[in-house]
Amino acid sequence: MGKFVIRNTATGVKFDLKAGNGEVIATSEVYSGLAACKNGVESLRTNAAAHVEDQTVEGFETLTHPKYEVYVDKAGEFRFRLKARNGEIIATSEGYKTKASCLNGIDSIGRNAPDAAVEEQE
């Protein structure tokens, strides 16, 4: 079962959603405080089942928010970002070598986020 790990950074507070095997599925932006970060966790839970907009396909259909945007980064790796209803980025992924792996990461959010425990690290 997955879990959200909330931790302090030099500039604020952020969370990682980790799968049952400990791998990071998605990482949040840096929030100004713990309450805002916890709101981000709840936003990810709420939007975990969003549609996927595949920006790697020519002529892709632009979907309304909330949505996952799948894209290719400057290093040629596939990534996704989850955007909330207001268009703000909730969480982003690591780089994946294949689109299938990237889409699997999105699927993993849907399986792990709804029931994931929240752990606060010191």
C-alpha atoms as a PDB file:
ATOM      1  CA  MET A   1       0.000   0.000   0.000  1.00  0.00           C
ATOM      2  CA  GLY A   2       1.245   3.459  -0.844  1.00  0.00           C
ATOM      3  CA  LYS A   3       1.886   6.381   1.471  1.00  0.00           C
ATOM      4  CA  PHE A   4       2.359  10.118   1.358  1.00  0.00           C
ATOM      5  CA  VAL A   5       5.594  11.261   2.972  1.00  0.00           C
ATOM      6  CA  ILE A   6       5.588  14.917   4.010  1.00  0.00           C
ATOM      7  CA  ARG A   7       8.981  16.484   4.660  1.00  0.00           C
ATOM      8  CA  ASN A   8      10.578  19.846   5.233  1.00  0.00           C
ATOM      9  CA  THR A   9      12.936  21.320   2.652  1.00  0.00           C
ATOM     10  CA  ALA A  10      15.191  24.374   2.803  1.00  0.00           C
ATOM     11  CA  THR A  11      12.388  26.502   1.348  1.00  0.00           C
ATOM     12  CA  GLY A  12       9.185  24.931   2.707  1.00  0.00           C
ATOM     13  CA  VAL A  13       7.254  21.651   2.891  1.00  0.00           C
ATOM     14  CA  LYS A  14       6.607  19.055   0.152  1.00  0.00           C
ATOM     15  CA  PHE A  15       5.233  15.551  -0.223  1.00  0.00           C
ATOM     16  CA  ASP A  16       6.139  12.435  -2.132  1.00  0.00           C
ATOM     17  CA  LEU A  17       3.611   9.728  -2.958  1.00  0.00           C
ATOM     18  CA  LYS A  18       5.404   6.407  -2.582  1.00  0.00           C
ATOM     19  CA  ALA A  19       4.253   3.011  -3.813  1.00  0.00           C
ATOM     20  CA  GLY A  20       4.204  -0.021  -1.541  1.00  0.00           C
ATOM     21  CA  ASN A  21       7.751  -0.883  -2.674  1.00  0.00           C
ATOM     22  CA  GLY A  22       9.033   2.537  -1.536  1.00  0.00           C
ATOM     23  CA  GLU A  23       9.485   3.952  -5.044  1.00  0.00           C
ATOM     24  CA  VAL A  24       8.451   7.592  -5.463  1.00  0.00           C
ATOM     25  CA  ILE A  25       5.492   7.847  -7.860  1.00  0.00           C
ATOM     26  CA  ALA A  26       4.980  11.614  -7.728  1.00  0.00           C
ATOM     27  CA  THR A  27       6.409  14.682  -5.997  1.00  0.00           C
ATOM     28  CA  SER A  28       4.646  17.904  -5.068  1.00  0.00           C
ATOM     29  CA  GLU A  29       5.695  21.503  -5.393  1.00  0.00           C
ATOM     30  CA  VAL A  30       7.183  23.182  -2.319  1.00  0.00           C
ATOM     31  CA  TYR A  31       4.451  24.613  -0.090  1.00  0.00           C
ATOM     32  CA  SER A  32       4.875  27.464   2.393  1.00  0.00           C
ATOM     33  CA  GLY A  33       3.572  25.430   5.319  1.00  0.00           C
ATOM     34  CA  LEU A  34       2.311  22.081   6.575  1.00  0.00           C
ATOM     35  CA  ALA A  35      -1.400  22.920   6.227  1.00  0.00           C
ATOM     36  CA  ALA A  36      -0.961  23.918   2.566  1.00  0.00           C
ATOM     37  CA  CYS A  37       1.004  20.720   1.909  1.00  0.00           C
ATOM     38  CA  LYS A  38      -1.752  18.604   3.476  1.00  0.00           C
ATOM     39  CA  ASN A  39      -4.257  20.385   1.225  1.00  0.00           C
ATOM     40  CA  GLY A  40      -2.035  19.334  -1.700  1.00  0.00           C
ATOM     41  CA  VAL A  41      -2.210  15.713  -0.541  1.00  0.00           C
ATOM     42  CA  GLU A  42      -6.014  15.905  -0.460  1.00  0.00           C
ATOM     43  CA  SER A  43      -6.045  17.534  -3.897  1.00  0.00           C
ATOM     44  CA  LEU A  44      -3.989  14.650  -5.291  1.00  0.00           C
ATOM     45  CA  ARG A  45      -6.414  12.152  -3.732  1.00  0.00           C
ATOM     46  CA  THR A  46      -9.392  14.036  -5.200  1.00  0.00           C
ATOM     47  CA  ASN A  47      -7.871  14.299  -8.681  1.00  0.00           C
ATOM     48  CA  ALA A  48      -6.135  10.893  -8.863  1.00  0.00           C
ATOM     49  CA  ALA A  49      -8.631   9.559 -11.416  1.00  0.00           C
ATOM     50  CA  ALA A  50      -8.205  12.491 -13.830  1.00  0.00           C
ATOM     51  CA  HIS A  51      -8.049  12.000 -17.611  1.00  0.00           C
ATOM     52  CA  VAL A  52      -4.723  11.712 -19.444  1.00  0.00           C
ATOM     53  CA  GLU A  53      -3.741  14.279 -22.068  1.00  0.00           C
ATOM     54  CA  ASP A  54      -0.973  12.709 -24.167  1.00  0.00           C
ATOM     55  CA  GLN A  55       1.077  15.661 -25.399  1.00  0.00           C
ATOM     56  CA  THR A  56       3.557  13.326 -27.110  1.00  0.00           C
ATOM     57  CA  VAL A  57       1.074  12.666 -29.937  1.00  0.00           C
ATOM     58  CA  GLU A  58       0.860  15.151 -32.788  1.00  0.00           C
ATOM     59  CA  GLY A  59      -2.486  16.933 -32.811  1.00  0.00           C
ATOM     60  CA  PHE A  60      -3.403  15.751 -29.292  1.00  0.00           C
ATOM     61  CA  GLU A  61      -6.783  16.742 -27.886  1.00  0.00           C
ATOM     62  CA  THR A  62      -6.602  19.398 -25.175  1.00  0.00           C
ATOM     63  CA  LEU A  63      -8.612  18.208 -22.172  1.00  0.00           C
ATOM     64  CA  THR A  64     -10.154  20.260 -19.387  1.00  0.00           C
ATOM     65  CA  HIS A  65      -8.649  20.265 -15.888  1.00  0.00           C
ATOM     66  CA  PRO A  66      -8.150  18.211 -13.812  1.00  0.00           C
ATOM     67  CA  LYS A  67      -5.840  16.157 -16.002  1.00  0.00           C
ATOM     68  CA  TYR A  68      -2.514  14.398 -16.274  1.00  0.00           C
ATOM     69  CA  GLU A  69      -0.263  15.869 -18.937  1.00  0.00           C
ATOM     70  CA  VAL A  70       2.162  13.352 -20.449  1.00  0.00           C
ATOM     71  CA  TYR A  71       5.110  14.985 -22.206  1.00  0.00           C
ATOM     72  CA  VAL A  72       8.731  14.463 -23.242  1.00  0.00           C
ATOM     73  CA  ASP A  73      11.350  16.461 -21.331  1.00  0.00           C
ATOM     74  CA  LYS A  74      14.575  17.993 -22.671  1.00  0.00           C
ATOM     75  CA  ALA A  75      16.464  14.770 -21.925  1.00  0.00           C
ATOM     76  CA  GLY A  76      14.025  12.787 -24.103  1.00  0.00           C
ATOM     77  CA  GLU A  77      12.316  11.078 -21.157  1.00  0.00           C
ATOM     78  CA  PHE A  78       8.567  10.754 -20.604  1.00  0.00           C
ATOM     79  CA  ARG A  79       7.081  12.607 -17.629  1.00  0.00           C
ATOM     80  CA  PHE A  80       3.665  13.503 -16.298  1.00  0.00           C
ATOM     81  CA  ARG A  81       2.265  16.330 -14.246  1.00  0.00           C
ATOM     82  CA  LEU A  82      -1.124  16.287 -12.554  1.00  0.00           C
ATOM     83  CA  LYS A  83      -3.000  19.570 -12.802  1.00  0.00           C
ATOM     84  CA  ALA A  84      -5.927  20.491 -10.572  1.00  0.00           C
ATOM     85  CA  ARG A  85      -9.251  21.929 -11.712  1.00  0.00           C
ATOM     86  CA  ASN A  86      -7.740  25.447 -11.432  1.00  0.00           C
ATOM     87  CA  GLY A  87      -4.768  24.504 -13.647  1.00  0.00           C
ATOM     88  CA  GLU A  88      -2.224  24.479 -10.819  1.00  0.00           C
ATOM     89  CA  ILE A  89       0.300  21.638 -10.807  1.00  0.00           C
ATOM     90  CA  ILE A  90      -0.364  19.243  -7.922  1.00  0.00           C
ATOM     91  CA  ALA A  91       2.429  16.737  -8.542  1.00  0.00           C
ATOM     92  CA  THR A  92       5.050  15.723 -11.083  1.00  0.00           C
ATOM     93  CA  SER A  93       6.802  12.480 -11.960  1.00  0.00           C
ATOM     94  CA  GLU A  94      10.346  11.366 -12.456  1.00  0.00           C
ATOM     95  CA  GLY A  95      11.609  10.769 -15.995  1.00  0.00           C
ATOM     96  CA  TYR A  96      10.680   7.446 -17.612  1.00  0.00           C
ATOM     97  CA  LYS A  97      12.454   5.771 -20.550  1.00  0.00           C
ATOM     98  CA  THR A  98       9.168   4.622 -22.127  1.00  0.00           C
ATOM     99  CA  LYS A  99       5.678   6.069 -22.410  1.00  0.00           C
ATOM    100  CA  ALA A 100       4.253   2.784 -21.121  1.00  0.00           C
ATOM    101  CA  SER A 101       6.230   3.173 -17.884  1.00  0.00           C
ATOM    102  CA  CYS A 102       5.021   6.763 -17.546  1.00  0.00           C
ATOM    103  CA  LEU A 103       1.394   5.699 -18.010  1.00  0.00           C
ATOM    104  CA  ASN A 104       1.974   2.937 -15.474  1.00  0.00           C
ATOM    105  CA  GLY A 105       3.084   5.634 -12.996  1.00  0.00           C
ATOM    106  CA  ILE A 106      -0.219   7.446 -13.531  1.00  0.00           C
ATOM    107  CA  ASP A 107      -2.102   4.186 -13.018  1.00  0.00           C
ATOM    108  CA  SER A 108      -0.129   3.647  -9.820  1.00  0.00           C
ATOM    109  CA  ILE A 109      -1.354   6.982  -8.453  1.00  0.00           C
ATOM    110  CA  GLY A 110      -4.926   5.841  -9.013  1.00  0.00           C
ATOM    111  CA  ARG A 111      -4.232   2.614  -7.116  1.00  0.00           C
ATOM    112  CA  ASN A 112      -2.188   4.132  -4.265  1.00  0.00           C
ATOM    113  CA  ALA A 113      -3.358   7.694  -3.549  1.00  0.00           C
ATOM    114  CA  PRO A 114      -6.981   7.199  -2.418  1.00  0.00           C
ATOM    115  CA  ASP A 115      -6.151   5.083   0.639  1.00  0.00           C
ATOM    116  CA  ALA A 116      -2.506   6.056   1.245  1.00  0.00           C
ATOM    117  CA  ALA A 117      -1.490   6.887   4.802  1.00  0.00           C
ATOM    118  CA  VAL A 118       0.180  10.229   5.513  1.00  0.00           C
ATOM    119  CA  GLU A 119       3.552  10.174   7.270  1.00  0.00           C
ATOM    120  CA  GLU A 120       5.272  13.343   8.453  1.00  0.00           C
ATOM    121  CA  GLN A 121       9.070  13.188   8.588  1.00  0.00           C
ATOM    122  CA  GLU A 122      11.141  15.370  10.858  1.00  0.00           C
END
